[in-house]
């Protein structure tokens, strides 16, 4: 399945306009905060936008579900590290992450998860 997805993404890259050249198929591994930011900021109207931003939203939703389950399960005794006043939409999380990455370009080589947590923690800190 991964090979098919990679082939589809690679095919789309070949047809992509020059504006999407900064992204590579490796970015879909979301190994670093920089690669996730490239996906989450794919230019609207570009050939890669629907794939990249869709991947970004899916990645955010998966992390959110996993985080919520870890915090809620008493077996793990994990204290929340992100404390918004209400729900954060996927679009808001994407926007917050991209704003944080723009303000912190030196963090691009950090792991994607670490970057997302740092960005959301900066925007929605928990009380001491």
Foldseek 3Di string as FASTA:
>chain_A
DVVVVLVVLQVLVVVWDPQLVVADSVLLVQFWLQSLLSLCPPDPPTSCVVVSNVSSLVVVVVVVVVVVVLCPDVVNVDDDFAADPDDQHSVNLSVLLNVVCVVPVVRGGHGSVVSSSVSRCVVGGDDD
